[in-house]
Amino acid sequence: MSGDRRVQVILRDQAKEEFEALNQIVGEQQARGQTNSEEMQLLKSIKQKVELIKLNPTVGDSIPKKLIPNDLGVSNLFRLNLTGYWRMLYTLAGNQVEVIAFVLYIVDHREYDRIFGYKKR
């Protein structure tokens, strides 16, 4: 999709807050000498997926339009699986010069189910 177009990835709202909180936790863990934790693995996974989006903006699973929650106000939505059953949800916007991927959510499986109205069996 991107071809010769520049791809920019922007974390918004909940995703930005989650990423910043995770960064802070990981920084504190590293200061204590920790070298591996669930938070560190998740942060690494997020950074890897952001790089994948830059290489190919449509790398994620496309969510069918009929399943996109109306309150998100987007016409397209993609999902990438992260480590530990977390999910990254993003939407694409752009023009002939640039593609912008807005990461809307970084959520665990329970929150992902809530966003899409899935019920636990």
C-alpha atoms as a PDB file:
ATOM      1  CA  MET A   1       0.000   0.000   0.000  1.00  0.00           C
ATOM      2  CA  SER A   2       2.720   2.497   0.916  1.00  0.00           C
ATOM      3  CA  GLY A   3       4.852   2.175  -2.249  1.00  0.00           C
ATOM      4  CA  ASP A   4       6.998   5.305  -2.319  1.00  0.00           C
ATOM      5  CA  ARG A   5       4.895   7.064   0.287  1.00  0.00           C
ATOM      6  CA  ARG A   6       6.295   7.923   3.672  1.00  0.00           C
ATOM      7  CA  VAL A   7       4.671   6.045   6.566  1.00  0.00           C
ATOM      8  CA  GLN A   8       4.266   7.739   9.925  1.00  0.00           C
ATOM      9  CA  VAL A   9       2.997   5.914  13.028  1.00  0.00           C
ATOM     10  CA  ILE A  10       1.293   8.008  15.714  1.00  0.00           C
ATOM     11  CA  LEU A  11       0.112   6.670  19.056  1.00  0.00           C
ATOM     12  CA  ARG A  12      -3.090   8.407  20.157  1.00  0.00           C
ATOM     13  CA  ASP A  13      -5.261   8.569  23.237  1.00  0.00           C
ATOM     14  CA  GLN A  14      -5.342   5.239  25.100  1.00  0.00           C
ATOM     15  CA  ALA A  15      -2.442   3.774  23.095  1.00  0.00           C
ATOM     16  CA  LYS A  16      -0.203   6.740  23.902  1.00  0.00           C
ATOM     17  CA  GLU A  17      -1.097   6.576  27.604  1.00  0.00           C
ATOM     18  CA  GLU A  18      -0.500   2.812  27.742  1.00  0.00           C
ATOM     19  CA  PHE A  19       2.823   3.123  25.911  1.00  0.00           C
ATOM     20  CA  GLU A  20       4.054   5.922  28.192  1.00  0.00           C
ATOM     21  CA  ALA A  21       3.014   4.016  31.340  1.00  0.00           C
ATOM     22  CA  LEU A  22       4.723   0.890  30.051  1.00  0.00           C
ATOM     23  CA  ASN A  23       7.868   2.863  29.232  1.00  0.00           C
ATOM     24  CA  GLN A  24       7.942   4.220  32.783  1.00  0.00           C
ATOM     25  CA  ILE A  25       7.482   0.765  34.339  1.00  0.00           C
ATOM     26  CA  VAL A  26      10.219  -0.710  32.161  1.00  0.00           C
ATOM     27  CA  GLY A  27      12.553   2.192  33.013  1.00  0.00           C
ATOM     28  CA  GLU A  28      12.021   1.558  36.727  1.00  0.00           C
ATOM     29  CA  GLN A  29      12.592  -2.168  36.256  1.00  0.00           C
ATOM     30  CA  GLN A  30      15.817  -1.549  34.351  1.00  0.00           C
ATOM     31  CA  ALA A  31      16.992   0.845  37.072  1.00  0.00           C
ATOM     32  CA  ARG A  32      16.514  -2.012  39.563  1.00  0.00           C
ATOM     33  CA  GLY A  33      18.629  -4.251  37.358  1.00  0.00           C
ATOM     34  CA  GLN A  34      15.847  -6.348  35.845  1.00  0.00           C
ATOM     35  CA  THR A  35      16.634  -7.627  32.388  1.00  0.00           C
ATOM     36  CA  ASN A  36      13.436  -9.462  31.480  1.00  0.00           C
ATOM     37  CA  SER A  37       9.806  -9.001  32.498  1.00  0.00           C
ATOM     38  CA  GLU A  38       6.366  -9.230  30.932  1.00  0.00           C
ATOM     39  CA  GLU A  39       6.346  -5.434  30.593  1.00  0.00           C
ATOM     40  CA  MET A  40       9.725  -5.449  28.835  1.00  0.00           C
ATOM     41  CA  GLN A  41       8.543  -8.140  26.437  1.00  0.00           C
ATOM     42  CA  LEU A  42       5.331  -6.208  25.708  1.00  0.00           C
ATOM     43  CA  LEU A  43       7.204  -2.936  25.088  1.00  0.00           C
ATOM     44  CA  LYS A  44       9.613  -4.721  22.735  1.00  0.00           C
ATOM     45  CA  SER A  45       6.654  -6.313  20.933  1.00  0.00           C
ATOM     46  CA  ILE A  46       4.959  -2.911  20.474  1.00  0.00           C
ATOM     47  CA  LYS A  47       8.145  -1.361  19.074  1.00  0.00           C
ATOM     48  CA  GLN A  48       8.591  -4.276  16.652  1.00  0.00           C
ATOM     49  CA  LYS A  49       5.001  -3.961  15.413  1.00  0.00           C
ATOM     50  CA  VAL A  50       5.403  -0.207  14.885  1.00  0.00           C
ATOM     51  CA  GLU A  51       8.396  -0.945  12.652  1.00  0.00           C
ATOM     52  CA  LEU A  52       6.362  -3.544  10.746  1.00  0.00           C
ATOM     53  CA  ILE A  53       3.605  -0.976  10.166  1.00  0.00           C
ATOM     54  CA  LYS A  54       6.199   1.456   8.790  1.00  0.00           C
ATOM     55  CA  LEU A  55       7.330  -1.199   6.289  1.00  0.00           C
ATOM     56  CA  ASN A  56       3.808  -2.319   5.366  1.00  0.00           C
ATOM     57  CA  PRO A  57       0.873  -0.314   6.777  1.00  0.00           C
ATOM     58  CA  THR A  58      -1.624  -3.111   6.046  1.00  0.00           C
ATOM     59  CA  VAL A  59       0.402  -5.791   7.827  1.00  0.00           C
ATOM     60  CA  GLY A  60      -2.289  -6.247  10.492  1.00  0.00           C
ATOM     61  CA  ASP A  61      -5.483  -8.249  10.238  1.00  0.00           C
ATOM     62  CA  SER A  62      -8.194  -6.079   8.678  1.00  0.00           C
ATOM     63  CA  ILE A  63     -11.287  -5.844  10.887  1.00  0.00           C
ATOM     64  CA  PRO A  64     -14.465  -6.149   8.781  1.00  0.00           C
ATOM     65  CA  LYS A  65     -16.266  -2.791   8.546  1.00  0.00           C
ATOM     66  CA  LYS A  66     -19.451  -4.211  10.097  1.00  0.00           C
ATOM     67  CA  LEU A  67     -17.462  -5.146  13.240  1.00  0.00           C
ATOM     68  CA  ILE A  68     -15.781  -1.755  13.756  1.00  0.00           C
ATOM     69  CA  PRO A  69     -17.396  -0.079  16.778  1.00  0.00           C
ATOM     70  CA  ASN A  70     -19.170   3.148  15.718  1.00  0.00           C
ATOM     71  CA  ASP A  71     -17.721   5.116  18.632  1.00  0.00           C
ATOM     72  CA  LEU A  72     -14.226   4.779  17.153  1.00  0.00           C
ATOM     73  CA  GLY A  73     -15.228   7.012  14.239  1.00  0.00           C
ATOM     74  CA  VAL A  74     -12.936   5.274  11.742  1.00  0.00           C
ATOM     75  CA  SER A  75     -13.624   3.644   8.392  1.00  0.00           C
ATOM     76  CA  ASN A  76     -10.823   1.075   8.596  1.00  0.00           C
ATOM     77  CA  LEU A  77      -9.279  -0.814  11.481  1.00  0.00           C
ATOM     78  CA  PHE A  78      -6.406  -3.264  11.721  1.00  0.00           C
ATOM     79  CA  ARG A  79      -5.328  -5.597  14.518  1.00  0.00           C
ATOM     80  CA  LEU A  80      -1.863  -6.855  15.365  1.00  0.00           C
ATOM     81  CA  ASN A  81      -1.262  -9.485  18.011  1.00  0.00           C
ATOM     82  CA  LEU A  82       1.303  -8.591  20.640  1.00  0.00           C
ATOM     83  CA  THR A  83       3.018 -10.811  23.175  1.00  0.00           C
ATOM     84  CA  GLY A  84       0.993 -12.069  26.136  1.00  0.00           C
ATOM     85  CA  TYR A  85      -2.370 -11.970  24.296  1.00  0.00           C
ATOM     86  CA  TRP A  86      -2.270  -8.172  24.008  1.00  0.00           C
ATOM     87  CA  ARG A  87      -3.569  -6.443  20.869  1.00  0.00           C
ATOM     88  CA  MET A  88      -2.708  -3.281  18.966  1.00  0.00           C
ATOM     89  CA  LEU A  89      -5.539  -1.624  17.024  1.00  0.00           C
ATOM     90  CA  TYR A  90      -4.763   0.991  14.398  1.00  0.00           C
ATOM     91  CA  THR A  91      -6.386   2.866  11.548  1.00  0.00           C
ATOM     92  CA  LEU A  92      -4.882   4.280   8.363  1.00  0.00           C
ATOM     93  CA  ALA A  93      -5.268   7.703   6.802  1.00  0.00           C
ATOM     94  CA  GLY A  94      -3.255   9.450   4.148  1.00  0.00           C
ATOM     95  CA  ASN A  95      -2.849  10.742   0.652  1.00  0.00           C
ATOM     96  CA  GLN A  96      -0.568  10.130  -2.320  1.00  0.00           C
ATOM     97  CA  VAL A  97       2.457  11.449  -0.432  1.00  0.00           C
ATOM     98  CA  GLU A  98       2.087   9.995   3.036  1.00  0.00           C
ATOM     99  CA  VAL A  99       0.362   7.235   4.998  1.00  0.00           C
ATOM    100  CA  ILE A 100      -0.402   7.834   8.665  1.00  0.00           C
ATOM    101  CA  ALA A 101      -1.134   4.916  10.958  1.00  0.00           C
ATOM    102  CA  PHE A 102      -2.931   6.054  14.100  1.00  0.00           C
ATOM    103  CA  VAL A 103      -2.537   3.471  16.860  1.00  0.00           C
ATOM    104  CA  LEU A 104      -5.758   3.789  18.837  1.00  0.00           C
ATOM    105  CA  TYR A 105      -5.494   1.014  21.407  1.00  0.00           C
ATOM    106  CA  ILE A 106      -2.935  -1.210  23.057  1.00  0.00           C
ATOM    107  CA  VAL A 107      -5.063  -3.553  25.128  1.00  0.00           C
ATOM    108  CA  ASP A 108      -5.080  -6.913  26.827  1.00  0.00           C
ATOM    109  CA  HIS A 109      -7.419  -9.643  25.628  1.00  0.00           C
ATOM    110  CA  ARG A 110     -10.181  -8.787  28.122  1.00  0.00           C
ATOM    111  CA  GLU A 111     -10.297  -5.117  27.059  1.00  0.00           C
ATOM    112  CA  TYR A 112     -10.169  -6.139  23.392  1.00  0.00           C
ATOM    113  CA  ASP A 113     -13.251  -8.319  23.948  1.00  0.00           C
ATOM    114  CA  ARG A 114     -15.003  -5.402  25.689  1.00  0.00           C
ATOM    115  CA  ILE A 115     -14.301  -2.987  22.813  1.00  0.00           C
ATOM    116  CA  PHE A 116     -15.863  -5.376  20.306  1.00  0.00           C
ATOM    117  CA  GLY A 117     -18.714  -6.460  22.569  1.00  0.00           C
ATOM    118  CA  TYR A 118     -17.591 -10.077  22.783  1.00  0.00           C
ATOM    119  CA  LYS A 119     -19.066 -11.960  25.714  1.00  0.00           C
ATOM    120  CA  LYS A 120     -17.187 -14.504  27.756  1.00  0.00           C
ATOM    121  CA  ARG A 121     -18.672 -17.964  27.380  1.00  0.00           C
END
